[in-house]
Amino acid sequence: MAQLIVRNLEEDLVRELKVRAARSNRSAEAEHREILRAVLRARSVGKTFKQQLSEMPGGGREEDFARPRDRGRRTRL
């Protein structure tokens, strides 16, 4: 397995990571791994917006959306 060293993190960020890890009963290192997995795999597994649109069923024929021609109403001038 590869190793990753992250340097020059802000103290408050490290503190938040430790708090989040404690809530999940994990070490800060395990929590860091879980965050990376969740973020990086979510993007690669999910479908793109274009793919989702192309899989949607058709919305009908053009004639279904035709508007009657509005001629207005007669007025006296």
PDB file of N, CA and C in Angstrom:
ATOM      1  N   MET A   1       0.833  -1.187   0.000  1.00  0.00           N
ATOM      2  CA  MET A   1       0.000   0.000   0.000  1.00  0.00           C
ATOM      3  C   MET A   1       0.876   1.248   0.000  1.00  0.00           C
ATOM      4  N   ALA A   2       0.398   2.255  -0.655  1.00  0.00           N
ATOM      5  CA  ALA A   2       1.125   3.519  -0.729  1.00  0.00           C
ATOM      6  C   ALA A   2       0.886   4.328   0.534  1.00  0.00           C
ATOM      7  N   GLN A   3       1.778   5.261   0.765  1.00  0.00           N
ATOM      8  CA  GLN A   3       1.642   6.166   1.901  1.00  0.00           C
ATOM      9  C   GLN A   3       1.498   7.578   1.386  1.00  0.00           C
ATOM     10  N   LEU A   4       0.803   8.395   2.153  1.00  0.00           N
ATOM     11  CA  LEU A   4       0.589   9.786   1.789  1.00  0.00           C
ATOM     12  C   LEU A   4       0.882  10.648   3.007  1.00  0.00           C
ATOM     13  N   ILE A   5       1.753  11.600   2.832  1.00  0.00           N
ATOM     14  CA  ILE A   5       2.080  12.522   3.910  1.00  0.00           C
ATOM     15  C   ILE A   5       1.556  13.900   3.515  1.00  0.00           C
ATOM     16  N   VAL A   6       0.779  14.483   4.395  1.00  0.00           N
ATOM     17  CA  VAL A   6       0.215  15.807   4.132  1.00  0.00           C
ATOM     18  C   VAL A   6       0.857  16.780   5.115  1.00  0.00           C
ATOM     19  N   ARG A   7       1.506  17.791   4.587  1.00  0.00           N
ATOM     20  CA  ARG A   7       2.210  18.762   5.432  1.00  0.00           C
ATOM     21  C   ARG A   7       1.533  20.115   5.368  1.00  0.00           C
ATOM     22  N   ASN A   8       1.883  20.952   6.309  1.00  0.00           N
ATOM     23  CA  ASN A   8       1.465  22.355   6.372  1.00  0.00           C
ATOM     24  C   ASN A   8      -0.051  22.534   6.427  1.00  0.00           C
ATOM     25  N   LEU A   9      -0.704  21.710   7.228  1.00  0.00           N
ATOM     26  CA  LEU A   9      -2.139  21.871   7.433  1.00  0.00           C
ATOM     27  C   LEU A   9      -2.386  22.868   8.557  1.00  0.00           C
ATOM     28  N   GLU A  10      -3.461  23.599   8.452  1.00  0.00           N
ATOM     29  CA  GLU A  10      -3.828  24.529   9.504  1.00  0.00           C
ATOM     30  C   GLU A  10      -4.220  23.752  10.755  1.00  0.00           C
ATOM     31  N   GLU A  11      -3.897  24.301  11.908  1.00  0.00           N
ATOM     32  CA  GLU A  11      -4.180  23.627  13.175  1.00  0.00           C
ATOM     33  C   GLU A  11      -5.669  23.368  13.356  1.00  0.00           C
ATOM     34  N   ASP A  12      -6.514  24.316  12.961  1.00  0.00           N
ATOM     35  CA  ASP A  12      -7.952  24.122  13.149  1.00  0.00           C
ATOM     36  C   ASP A  12      -8.478  22.988  12.262  1.00  0.00           C
ATOM     37  N   LEU A  13      -7.877  22.789  11.105  1.00  0.00           N
ATOM     38  CA  LEU A  13      -8.279  21.706  10.221  1.00  0.00           C
ATOM     39  C   LEU A  13      -7.919  20.352  10.833  1.00  0.00           C
ATOM     40  N   VAL A  14      -6.741  20.264  11.396  1.00  0.00           N
ATOM     41  CA  VAL A  14      -6.314  19.031  12.063  1.00  0.00           C
ATOM     42  C   VAL A  14      -7.218  18.748  13.256  1.00  0.00           C
ATOM     43  N   ARG A  15      -7.566  19.788  14.000  1.00  0.00           N
ATOM     44  CA  ARG A  15      -8.446  19.637  15.157  1.00  0.00           C
ATOM     45  C   ARG A  15      -9.825  19.116  14.720  1.00  0.00           C
ATOM     46  N   GLU A  16     -10.352  19.673  13.633  1.00  0.00           N
ATOM     47  CA  GLU A  16     -11.651  19.216  13.118  1.00  0.00           C
ATOM     48  C   GLU A  16     -11.579  17.754  12.671  1.00  0.00           C
ATOM     49  N   LEU A  17     -10.472  17.374  12.057  1.00  0.00           N
ATOM     50  CA  LEU A  17     -10.293  15.986  11.637  1.00  0.00           C
ATOM     51  C   LEU A  17     -10.296  15.055  12.847  1.00  0.00           C
ATOM     52  N   LYS A  18      -9.617  15.448  13.902  1.00  0.00           N
ATOM     53  CA  LYS A  18      -9.568  14.621  15.108  1.00  0.00           C
ATOM     54  C   LYS A  18     -10.928  14.511  15.779  1.00  0.00           C
ATOM     55  N   VAL A  19     -11.682  15.602  15.780  1.00  0.00           N
ATOM     56  CA  VAL A  19     -13.027  15.578  16.367  1.00  0.00           C
ATOM     57  C   VAL A  19     -13.926  14.664  15.550  1.00  0.00           C
ATOM     58  N   ARG A  20     -13.856  14.802  14.237  1.00  0.00           N
ATOM     59  CA  ARG A  20     -14.669  13.947  13.356  1.00  0.00           C
ATOM     60  C   ARG A  20     -14.289  12.485  13.530  1.00  0.00           C
ATOM     61  N   ALA A  21     -13.000  12.207  13.661  1.00  0.00           N
ATOM     62  CA  ALA A  21     -12.529  10.835  13.853  1.00  0.00           C
ATOM     63  C   ALA A  21     -13.047  10.274  15.177  1.00  0.00           C
ATOM     64  N   ALA A  22     -13.019  11.080  16.217  1.00  0.00           N
ATOM     65  CA  ALA A  22     -13.496  10.627  17.523  1.00  0.00           C
ATOM     66  C   ALA A  22     -14.984  10.292  17.477  1.00  0.00           C
ATOM     67  N   ARG A  23     -15.763  11.088  16.746  1.00  0.00           N
ATOM     68  CA  ARG A  23     -17.196  10.811  16.615  1.00  0.00           C
ATOM     69  C   ARG A  23     -17.448   9.482  15.926  1.00  0.00           C
ATOM     70  N   SER A  24     -16.566   9.093  15.031  1.00  0.00           N
ATOM     71  CA  SER A  24     -16.716   7.848  14.278  1.00  0.00           C
ATOM     72  C   SER A  24     -15.952   6.689  14.912  1.00  0.00           C
ATOM     73  N   ASN A  25     -15.360   6.937  16.087  1.00  0.00           N
ATOM     74  CA  ASN A  25     -14.537   5.924  16.772  1.00  0.00           C
ATOM     75  C   ASN A  25     -13.405   5.415  15.886  1.00  0.00           C
ATOM     76  N   ARG A  26     -12.735   6.344  15.203  1.00  0.00           N
ATOM     77  CA  ARG A  26     -11.596   6.009  14.354  1.00  0.00           C
ATOM     78  C   ARG A  26     -10.408   6.864  14.756  1.00  0.00           C
ATOM     79  N   SER A  27      -9.247   6.448  14.286  1.00  0.00           N
ATOM     80  CA  SER A  27      -8.072   7.302  14.450  1.00  0.00           C
ATOM     81  C   SER A  27      -8.151   8.415  13.416  1.00  0.00           C
ATOM     82  N   ALA A  28      -7.366   9.455  13.610  1.00  0.00           N
ATOM     83  CA  ALA A  28      -7.344  10.553  12.644  1.00  0.00           C
ATOM     84  C   ALA A  28      -6.869  10.040  11.284  1.00  0.00           C
ATOM     85  N   GLU A  29      -5.941   9.109  11.297  1.00  0.00           N
ATOM     86  CA  GLU A  29      -5.433   8.545  10.042  1.00  0.00           C
ATOM     87  C   GLU A  29      -6.524   7.754   9.318  1.00  0.00           C
ATOM     88  N   ALA A  30      -7.273   6.945  10.059  1.00  0.00           N
ATOM     89  CA  ALA A  30      -8.359   6.169   9.453  1.00  0.00           C
ATOM     90  C   ALA A  30      -9.452   7.092   8.924  1.00  0.00           C
ATOM     91  N   GLU A  31      -9.718   8.157   9.649  1.00  0.00           N
ATOM     92  CA  GLU A  31     -10.733   9.112   9.195  1.00  0.00           C
ATOM     93  C   GLU A  31     -10.277   9.816   7.920  1.00  0.00           C
ATOM     94  N   HIS A  32      -9.017  10.144   7.864  1.00  0.00           N
ATOM     95  CA  HIS A  32      -8.443  10.771   6.676  1.00  0.00           C
ATOM     96  C   HIS A  32      -8.597   9.842   5.467  1.00  0.00           C
ATOM     97  N   ARG A  33      -8.313   8.566   5.647  1.00  0.00           N
ATOM     98  CA  ARG A  33      -8.483   7.590   4.556  1.00  0.00           C
ATOM     99  C   ARG A  33      -9.940   7.527   4.114  1.00  0.00           C
ATOM    100  N   GLU A  34     -10.840   7.510   5.080  1.00  0.00           N
ATOM    101  CA  GLU A  34     -12.272   7.409   4.753  1.00  0.00           C
ATOM    102  C   GLU A  34     -12.758   8.632   3.980  1.00  0.00           C
ATOM    103  N   ILE A  35     -12.295   9.812   4.357  1.00  0.00           N
ATOM    104  CA  ILE A  35     -12.667  11.045   3.649  1.00  0.00           C
ATOM    105  C   ILE A  35     -12.167  10.995   2.211  1.00  0.00           C
ATOM    106  N   LEU A  36     -10.925  10.594   2.035  1.00  0.00           N
ATOM    107  CA  LEU A  36     -10.365  10.496   0.679  1.00  0.00           C
ATOM    108  C   LEU A  36     -11.141   9.494  -0.167  1.00  0.00           C
ATOM    109  N   ARG A  37     -11.452   8.334   0.403  1.00  0.00           N
ATOM    110  CA  ARG A  37     -12.230   7.330  -0.342  1.00  0.00           C
ATOM    111  C   ARG A  37     -13.582   7.880  -0.756  1.00  0.00           C
ATOM    112  N   ALA A  38     -14.281   8.477   0.196  1.00  0.00           N
ATOM    113  CA  ALA A  38     -15.640   8.968  -0.068  1.00  0.00           C
ATOM    114  C   ALA A  38     -15.654  10.027  -1.165  1.00  0.00           C
ATOM    115  N   VAL A  39     -14.714  10.932  -1.106  1.00  0.00           N
ATOM    116  CA  VAL A  39     -14.698  12.030  -2.073  1.00  0.00           C
ATOM    117  C   VAL A  39     -14.232  11.568  -3.447  1.00  0.00           C
ATOM    118  N   LEU A  40     -13.168  10.816  -3.495  1.00  0.00           N
ATOM    119  CA  LEU A  40     -12.596  10.436  -4.784  1.00  0.00           C
ATOM    120  C   LEU A  40     -13.391   9.340  -5.491  1.00  0.00           C
ATOM    121  N   ARG A  41     -13.928   8.420  -4.765  1.00  0.00           N
ATOM    122  CA  ARG A  41     -14.705   7.356  -5.409  1.00  0.00           C
ATOM    123  C   ARG A  41     -16.094   7.821  -5.797  1.00  0.00           C
ATOM    124  N   ALA A  42     -16.652   8.753  -5.079  1.00  0.00           N
ATOM    125  CA  ALA A  42     -17.990   9.247  -5.407  1.00  0.00           C
ATOM    126  C   ALA A  42     -18.001   9.875  -6.797  1.00  0.00           C
ATOM    127  N   ARG A  43     -16.974  10.557  -7.155  1.00  0.00           N
ATOM    128  CA  ARG A  43     -16.909  11.209  -8.467  1.00  0.00           C
ATOM    129  C   ARG A  43     -16.717  10.210  -9.590  1.00  0.00           C
ATOM    130  N   SER A  44     -15.915   9.190  -9.353  1.00  0.00           N
ATOM    131  CA  SER A  44     -15.621   8.253 -10.433  1.00  0.00           C
ATOM    132  C   SER A  44     -16.739   7.233 -10.638  1.00  0.00           C
ATOM    133  N   VAL A  45     -17.517   6.948  -9.611  1.00  0.00           N
ATOM    134  CA  VAL A  45     -18.575   5.950  -9.707  1.00  0.00           C
ATOM    135  C   VAL A  45     -19.851   6.549 -10.268  1.00  0.00           C
ATOM    136  N   GLY A  46     -20.152   7.783  -9.914  1.00  0.00           N
ATOM    137  CA  GLY A  46     -21.398   8.400 -10.324  1.00  0.00           C
ATOM    138  C   GLY A  46     -21.461   8.699 -11.811  1.00  0.00           C
ATOM    139  N   LYS A  47     -22.684   8.843 -12.293  1.00  0.00           N
ATOM    140  CA  LYS A  47     -22.874   9.181 -13.698  1.00  0.00           C
ATOM    141  C   LYS A  47     -22.762  10.681 -13.884  1.00  0.00           C
ATOM    142  N   THR A  48     -22.337  11.074 -15.054  1.00  0.00           N
ATOM    143  CA  THR A  48     -22.264  12.495 -15.355  1.00  0.00           C
ATOM    144  C   THR A  48     -23.674  13.023 -15.602  1.00  0.00           C
ATOM    145  N   PHE A  49     -23.812  14.323 -15.560  1.00  0.00           N
ATOM    146  CA  PHE A  49     -25.102  14.960 -15.808  1.00  0.00           C
ATOM    147  C   PHE A  49     -25.588  14.612 -17.218  1.00  0.00           C
ATOM    148  N   LYS A  50     -24.676  14.589 -18.163  1.00  0.00           N
ATOM    149  CA  LYS A  50     -25.027  14.254 -19.547  1.00  0.00           C
ATOM    150  C   LYS A  50     -25.552  12.823 -19.641  1.00  0.00           C
ATOM    151  N   GLN A  51     -24.912  11.887 -18.937  1.00  0.00           N
ATOM    152  CA  GLN A  51     -25.368  10.504 -18.946  1.00  0.00           C
ATOM    153  C   GLN A  51     -26.761  10.382 -18.338  1.00  0.00           C
ATOM    154  N   GLN A  52     -26.992  11.082 -17.247  1.00  0.00           N
ATOM    155  CA  GLN A  52     -28.302  11.029 -16.611  1.00  0.00           C
ATOM    156  C   GLN A  52     -29.387  11.584 -17.525  1.00  0.00           C
ATOM    157  N   LEU A  53     -29.102  12.685 -18.198  1.00  0.00           N
ATOM    158  CA  LEU A  53     -30.082  13.257 -19.117  1.00  0.00           C
ATOM    159  C   LEU A  53     -30.367  12.323 -20.285  1.00  0.00           C
ATOM    160  N   SER A  54     -29.335  11.699 -20.819  1.00  0.00           N
ATOM    161  CA  SER A  54     -29.539  10.823 -21.970  1.00  0.00           C
ATOM    162  C   SER A  54     -30.340   9.575 -21.608  1.00  0.00           C
ATOM    163  N   GLU A  55     -30.371   9.197 -20.335  1.00  0.00           N
ATOM    164  CA  GLU A  55     -31.108   8.013 -19.904  1.00  0.00           C
ATOM    165  C   GLU A  55     -32.564   8.319 -19.536  1.00  0.00           C
ATOM    166  N   MET A  56     -32.933   9.588 -19.534  1.00  0.00           N
ATOM    167  CA  MET A  56     -34.304   9.943 -19.186  1.00  0.00           C
ATOM    168  C   MET A  56     -35.245   9.550 -20.321  1.00  0.00           C
ATOM    169  N   PRO A  57     -36.453   9.090 -19.977  1.00  0.00           N
ATOM    170  CA  PRO A  57     -37.399   8.749 -21.041  1.00  0.00           C
ATOM    171  C   PRO A  57     -37.840  10.003 -21.787  1.00  0.00           C
ATOM    172  N   GLY A  58     -38.309   9.797 -23.012  1.00  0.00           N
ATOM    173  CA  GLY A  58     -38.765  10.919 -23.832  1.00  0.00           C
ATOM    174  C   GLY A  58     -39.958  11.627 -23.198  1.00  0.00           C
ATOM    175  N   GLY A  59     -40.106  12.882 -23.507  1.00  0.00           N
ATOM    176  CA  GLY A  59     -41.184  13.687 -22.922  1.00  0.00           C
ATOM    177  C   GLY A  59     -42.386  13.825 -23.827  1.00  0.00           C
ATOM    178  N   GLY A  60     -42.401  13.172 -24.948  1.00  0.00           N
ATOM    179  CA  GLY A  60     -43.527  13.277 -25.862  1.00  0.00           C
ATOM    180  C   GLY A  60     -43.078  13.765 -27.218  1.00  0.00           C
ATOM    181  N   ARG A  61     -44.063  13.955 -28.093  1.00  0.00           N
ATOM    182  CA  ARG A  61     -43.781  14.431 -29.441  1.00  0.00           C
ATOM    183  C   ARG A  61     -43.850  15.958 -29.452  1.00  0.00           C
ATOM    184  N   GLU A  62     -43.311  16.563 -30.460  1.00  0.00           N
ATOM    185  CA  GLU A  62     -43.356  18.021 -30.595  1.00  0.00           C
ATOM    186  C   GLU A  62     -44.789  18.534 -30.611  1.00  0.00           C
ATOM    187  N   GLU A  63     -45.680  17.769 -31.257  1.00  0.00           N
ATOM    188  CA  GLU A  63     -47.083  18.194 -31.362  1.00  0.00           C
ATOM    189  C   GLU A  63     -47.747  18.301 -29.992  1.00  0.00           C
ATOM    190  N   ASP A  64     -47.264  17.517 -29.033  1.00  0.00           N
ATOM    191  CA  ASP A  64     -47.840  17.553 -27.690  1.00  0.00           C
ATOM    192  C   ASP A  64     -47.622  18.905 -27.022  1.00  0.00           C
ATOM    193  N   PHE A  65     -46.628  19.623 -27.473  1.00  0.00           N
ATOM    194  CA  PHE A  65     -46.283  20.890 -26.837  1.00  0.00           C
ATOM    195  C   PHE A  65     -46.646  22.101 -27.696  1.00  0.00           C
ATOM    196  N   ALA A  66     -47.362  21.864 -28.785  1.00  0.00           N
ATOM    197  CA  ALA A  66     -47.740  22.962 -29.687  1.00  0.00           C
ATOM    198  C   ALA A  66     -48.733  23.878 -28.990  1.00  0.00           C
ATOM    199  N   ARG A  67     -48.571  25.183 -29.197  1.00  0.00           N
ATOM    200  CA  ARG A  67     -49.479  26.173 -28.620  1.00  0.00           C
ATOM    201  C   ARG A  67     -50.422  26.665 -29.705  1.00  0.00           C
ATOM    202  N   PRO A  68     -51.685  26.852 -29.348  1.00  0.00           N
ATOM    203  CA  PRO A  68     -52.591  27.414 -30.349  1.00  0.00           C
ATOM    204  C   PRO A  68     -52.175  28.847 -30.663  1.00  0.00           C
ATOM    205  N   ARG A  69     -52.363  29.216 -31.882  1.00  0.00           N
ATOM    206  CA  ARG A  69     -51.974  30.566 -32.279  1.00  0.00           C
ATOM    207  C   ARG A  69     -52.925  31.559 -31.638  1.00  0.00           C
ATOM    208  N   ASP A  70     -52.402  32.499 -30.936  1.00  0.00           N
ATOM    209  CA  ASP A  70     -53.201  33.487 -30.232  1.00  0.00           C
ATOM    210  C   ASP A  70     -53.452  34.673 -31.161  1.00  0.00           C
ATOM    211  N   ARG A  71     -54.675  34.882 -31.494  1.00  0.00           N
ATOM    212  CA  ARG A  71     -55.016  35.991 -32.381  1.00  0.00           C
ATOM    213  C   ARG A  71     -55.470  37.210 -31.598  1.00  0.00           C
ATOM    214  N   GLY A  72     -55.469  37.094 -30.311  1.00  0.00           N
ATOM    215  CA  GLY A  72     -55.911  38.226 -29.500  1.00  0.00           C
ATOM    216  C   GLY A  72     -57.423  38.354 -29.529  1.00  0.00           C
ATOM    217  N   ARG A  73     -57.923  39.476 -29.075  1.00  0.00           N
ATOM    218  CA  ARG A  73     -59.377  39.686 -29.125  1.00  0.00           C
ATOM    219  C   ARG A  73     -59.646  41.000 -29.846  1.00  0.00           C
ATOM    220  N   ARG A  74     -60.820  41.091 -30.398  1.00  0.00           N
ATOM    221  CA  ARG A  74     -61.177  42.310 -31.120  1.00  0.00           C
ATOM    222  C   ARG A  74     -61.397  43.448 -30.127  1.00  0.00           C
ATOM    223  N   THR A  75     -60.919  44.578 -30.500  1.00  0.00           N
ATOM    224  CA  THR A  75     -61.116  45.760 -29.653  1.00  0.00           C
ATOM    225  C   THR A  75     -61.607  46.917 -30.516  1.00  0.00           C
ATOM    226  N   ARG A  76     -62.306  47.815 -29.900  1.00  0.00           N
ATOM    227  CA  ARG A  76     -62.737  49.024 -30.588  1.00  0.00           C
ATOM    228  C   ARG A  76     -61.731  50.126 -30.306  1.00  0.00           C
ATOM    229  N   LEU A  77     -61.409  50.830 -31.297  1.00  0.00           N
ATOM    230  CA  LEU A  77     -60.485  51.951 -31.109  1.00  0.00           C
ATOM    231  C   LEU A  77     -61.211  53.265 -31.116  1.00  0.00           C
TER     232      LEU A  77
END
